[in-house]
Amino acid sequence: MSSDEEFWHEKNVYCKYCGSKLTQNQKYCSEECQQKDSVWDWTDD
């Protein structure tokens, strides 16, 4: 299913991993994501 592969290769998807994998997946992350831990910075209370 190539559509799934494309989804996982989206920069926005990789952004959630920027926090701990920034050095590894830096090329997948947007500039905004590199400036903070993650654009998906919501909290579960």
PDB file of N, CA and C in Angstrom:
ATOM      1  N   MET A   1       0.837  -1.204   0.000  1.00  0.00           N
ATOM      2  CA  MET A   1       0.000   0.000   0.000  1.00  0.00           C
ATOM      3  C   MET A   1       0.871   1.252   0.000  1.00  0.00           C
ATOM      4  N   SER A   2       1.147   1.772  -1.151  1.00  0.00           N
ATOM      5  CA  SER A   2       2.052   2.910  -1.272  1.00  0.00           C
ATOM      6  C   SER A   2       1.490   4.151  -0.580  1.00  0.00           C
ATOM      7  N   SER A   3       0.171   4.252  -0.491  1.00  0.00           N
ATOM      8  CA  SER A   3      -0.421   5.430   0.148  1.00  0.00           C
ATOM      9  C   SER A   3      -0.020   5.509   1.619  1.00  0.00           C
ATOM     10  N   ASP A   4       0.057   4.361   2.284  1.00  0.00           N
ATOM     11  CA  ASP A   4       0.498   4.337   3.680  1.00  0.00           C
ATOM     12  C   ASP A   4       1.952   4.763   3.796  1.00  0.00           C
ATOM     13  N   GLU A   5       2.769   4.286   2.872  1.00  0.00           N
ATOM     14  CA  GLU A   5       4.184   4.642   2.893  1.00  0.00           C
ATOM     15  C   GLU A   5       4.353   6.142   2.718  1.00  0.00           C
ATOM     16  N   GLU A   6       3.583   6.723   1.806  1.00  0.00           N
ATOM     17  CA  GLU A   6       3.647   8.162   1.579  1.00  0.00           C
ATOM     18  C   GLU A   6       3.245   8.899   2.846  1.00  0.00           C
ATOM     19  N   PHE A   7       2.239   8.391   3.533  1.00  0.00           N
ATOM     20  CA  PHE A   7       1.771   9.029   4.769  1.00  0.00           C
ATOM     21  C   PHE A   7       2.877   9.071   5.801  1.00  0.00           C
ATOM     22  N   TRP A   8       3.584   7.976   5.959  1.00  0.00           N
ATOM     23  CA  TRP A   8       4.639   7.913   6.972  1.00  0.00           C
ATOM     24  C   TRP A   8       5.879   8.694   6.565  1.00  0.00           C
ATOM     25  N   HIS A   9       5.975   9.041   5.296  1.00  0.00           N
ATOM     26  CA  HIS A   9       7.118   9.827   4.849  1.00  0.00           C
ATOM     27  C   HIS A   9       6.810  11.319   4.837  1.00  0.00           C
ATOM     28  N   GLU A  10       5.588  11.675   5.257  1.00  0.00           N
ATOM     29  CA  GLU A  10       5.238  13.094   5.338  1.00  0.00           C
ATOM     30  C   GLU A  10       6.051  13.765   6.433  1.00  0.00           C
ATOM     31  N   LYS A  11       6.515  14.972   6.173  1.00  0.00           N
ATOM     32  CA  LYS A  11       7.316  15.697   7.160  1.00  0.00           C
ATOM     33  C   LYS A  11       6.532  15.890   8.452  1.00  0.00           C
ATOM     34  N   ASN A  12       5.237  16.163   8.351  1.00  0.00           N
ATOM     35  CA  ASN A  12       4.423  16.405   9.533  1.00  0.00           C
ATOM     36  C   ASN A  12       4.362  15.174  10.421  1.00  0.00           C
ATOM     37  N   VAL A  13       4.385  14.003   9.813  1.00  0.00           N
ATOM     38  CA  VAL A  13       4.348  12.768  10.579  1.00  0.00           C
ATOM     39  C   VAL A  13       5.651  12.587  11.341  1.00  0.00           C
ATOM     40  N   TYR A  14       6.760  12.824  10.645  1.00  0.00           N
ATOM     41  CA  TYR A  14       8.066  12.659  11.272  1.00  0.00           C
ATOM     42  C   TYR A  14       8.306  13.693  12.353  1.00  0.00           C
ATOM     43  N   CYS A  15       7.587  14.816  12.284  1.00  0.00           N
ATOM     44  CA  CYS A  15       7.784  15.885  13.250  1.00  0.00           C
ATOM     45  C   CYS A  15       7.564  15.398  14.677  1.00  0.00           C
ATOM     46  N   LYS A  16       6.669  14.474  14.869  1.00  0.00           N
ATOM     47  CA  LYS A  16       6.375  14.008  16.220  1.00  0.00           C
ATOM     48  C   LYS A  16       7.562  13.278  16.825  1.00  0.00           C
ATOM     49  N   TYR A  17       8.492  12.844  15.979  1.00  0.00           N
ATOM     50  CA  TYR A  17       9.673  12.131  16.473  1.00  0.00           C
ATOM     51  C   TYR A  17      10.871  13.049  16.663  1.00  0.00           C
ATOM     52  N   CYS A  18      10.689  14.332  16.354  1.00  0.00           N
ATOM     53  CA  CYS A  18      11.810  15.265  16.393  1.00  0.00           C
ATOM     54  C   CYS A  18      12.441  15.335  17.778  1.00  0.00           C
ATOM     55  N   GLY A  19      11.648  15.207  18.805  1.00  0.00           N
ATOM     56  CA  GLY A  19      12.148  15.368  20.158  1.00  0.00           C
ATOM     57  C   GLY A  19      13.348  14.490  20.457  1.00  0.00           C
ATOM     58  N   SER A  20      13.228  13.181  20.223  1.00  0.00           N
ATOM     59  CA  SER A  20      14.298  12.260  20.595  1.00  0.00           C
ATOM     60  C   SER A  20      15.124  11.814  19.399  1.00  0.00           C
ATOM     61  N   LYS A  21      14.622  12.028  18.203  1.00  0.00           N
ATOM     62  CA  LYS A  21      15.331  11.536  17.025  1.00  0.00           C
ATOM     63  C   LYS A  21      15.706  12.665  16.075  1.00  0.00           C
ATOM     64  N   LEU A  22      15.849  13.869  16.611  1.00  0.00           N
ATOM     65  CA  LEU A  22      16.121  15.028  15.773  1.00  0.00           C
ATOM     66  C   LEU A  22      17.394  14.849  14.966  1.00  0.00           C
ATOM     67  N   THR A  23      18.439  14.300  15.600  1.00  0.00           N
ATOM     68  CA  THR A  23      19.718  14.139  14.911  1.00  0.00           C
ATOM     69  C   THR A  23      19.630  13.054  13.845  1.00  0.00           C
ATOM     70  N   GLN A  24      18.756  12.073  14.050  1.00  0.00           N
ATOM     71  CA  GLN A  24      18.632  10.978  13.098  1.00  0.00           C
ATOM     72  C   GLN A  24      17.705  11.353  11.942  1.00  0.00           C
ATOM     73  N   ASN A  25      16.564  11.954  12.274  1.00  0.00           N
ATOM     74  CA  ASN A  25      15.544  12.221  11.273  1.00  0.00           C
ATOM     75  C   ASN A  25      15.432  13.698  10.945  1.00  0.00           C
ATOM     76  N   GLN A  26      16.528  14.421  11.137  1.00  0.00           N
ATOM     77  CA  GLN A  26      16.502  15.862  10.946  1.00  0.00           C
ATOM     78  C   GLN A  26      16.005  16.231   9.548  1.00  0.00           C
ATOM     79  N   LYS A  27      16.386  15.439   8.554  1.00  0.00           N
ATOM     80  CA  LYS A  27      16.009  15.752   7.178  1.00  0.00           C
ATOM     81  C   LYS A  27      14.501  15.600   6.973  1.00  0.00           C
ATOM     82  N   TYR A  28      13.820  14.881   7.863  1.00  0.00           N
ATOM     83  CA  TYR A  28      12.381  14.703   7.734  1.00  0.00           C
ATOM     84  C   TYR A  28      11.609  15.781   8.489  1.00  0.00           C
ATOM     85  N   CYS A  29      12.328  16.528   9.345  1.00  0.00           N
ATOM     86  CA  CYS A  29      11.645  17.466  10.221  1.00  0.00           C
ATOM     87  C   CYS A  29      11.629  18.867   9.646  1.00  0.00           C
ATOM     88  N   SER A  30      10.540  19.565   9.864  1.00  0.00           N
ATOM     89  CA  SER A  30      10.456  20.945   9.413  1.00  0.00           C
ATOM     90  C   SER A  30      11.276  21.845  10.328  1.00  0.00           C
ATOM     91  N   GLU A  31      11.558  23.072   9.880  1.00  0.00           N
ATOM     92  CA  GLU A  31      12.351  23.996  10.685  1.00  0.00           C
ATOM     93  C   GLU A  31      11.654  24.293  12.006  1.00  0.00           C
ATOM     94  N   GLU A  32      10.338  24.447  11.954  1.00  0.00           N
ATOM     95  CA  GLU A  32       9.576  24.737  13.175  1.00  0.00           C
ATOM     96  C   GLU A  32       9.745  23.614  14.183  1.00  0.00           C
ATOM     97  N   CYS A  33       9.740  22.385  13.678  1.00  0.00           N
ATOM     98  CA  CYS A  33       9.858  21.224  14.550  1.00  0.00           C
ATOM     99  C   CYS A  33      11.245  21.149  15.165  1.00  0.00           C
ATOM    100  N   GLN A  34      12.255  21.567  14.422  1.00  0.00           N
ATOM    101  CA  GLN A  34      13.615  21.515  14.936  1.00  0.00           C
ATOM    102  C   GLN A  34      13.822  22.531  16.049  1.00  0.00           C
ATOM    103  N   GLN A  35      13.000  23.574  16.082  1.00  0.00           N
ATOM    104  CA  GLN A  35      13.178  24.630  17.069  1.00  0.00           C
ATOM    105  C   GLN A  35      12.530  24.282  18.400  1.00  0.00           C
ATOM    106  N   LYS A  36      11.603  23.335  18.401  1.00  0.00           N
ATOM    107  CA  LYS A  36      11.007  22.880  19.654  1.00  0.00           C
ATOM    108  C   LYS A  36      10.919  21.357  19.662  1.00  0.00           C
ATOM    109  N   ASP A  37      10.640  20.781  20.805  1.00  0.00           N
ATOM    110  CA  ASP A  37      10.632  19.320  20.926  1.00  0.00           C
ATOM    111  C   ASP A  37       9.739  18.660  19.891  1.00  0.00           C
ATOM    112  N   SER A  38       8.542  19.205  19.709  1.00  0.00           N
ATOM    113  CA  SER A  38       7.614  18.597  18.777  1.00  0.00           C
ATOM    114  C   SER A  38       6.455  19.535  18.509  1.00  0.00           C
ATOM    115  N   VAL A  39       5.945  19.511  17.299  1.00  0.00           N
ATOM    116  CA  VAL A  39       4.772  20.314  16.989  1.00  0.00           C
ATOM    117  C   VAL A  39       3.530  19.649  17.573  1.00  0.00           C
ATOM    118  N   TRP A  40       3.686  18.384  17.910  1.00  0.00           N
ATOM    119  CA  TRP A  40       2.597  17.644  18.546  1.00  0.00           C
ATOM    120  C   TRP A  40       2.781  17.718  20.064  1.00  0.00           C
ATOM    121  N   ASP A  41       2.814  18.926  20.577  1.00  0.00           N
ATOM    122  CA  ASP A  41       3.189  19.120  21.975  1.00  0.00           C
ATOM    123  C   ASP A  41       1.970  19.217  22.885  1.00  0.00           C
ATOM    124  N   TRP A  42       1.012  18.331  22.676  1.00  0.00           N
ATOM    125  CA  TRP A  42      -0.155  18.342  23.532  1.00  0.00           C
ATOM    126  C   TRP A  42       0.124  17.551  24.811  1.00  0.00           C
ATOM    127  N   THR A  43      -0.709  17.764  25.843  1.00  0.00           N
ATOM    128  CA  THR A  43      -0.506  17.058  27.112  1.00  0.00           C
ATOM    129  C   THR A  43      -1.720  16.213  27.448  1.00  0.00           C
ATOM    130  N   ASP A  44      -1.478  15.047  27.993  1.00  0.00           N
ATOM    131  CA  ASP A  44      -2.564  14.164  28.432  1.00  0.00           C
ATOM    132  C   ASP A  44      -2.692  14.247  29.942  1.00  0.00           C
ATOM    133  N   ASP A  45      -3.742  14.913  30.397  1.00  0.00           N
ATOM    134  CA  ASP A  45      -3.955  15.018  31.843  1.00  0.00           C
ATOM    135  C   ASP A  45      -4.960  13.988  32.294  1.00  0.00           C
TER     136      ASP A  45
END
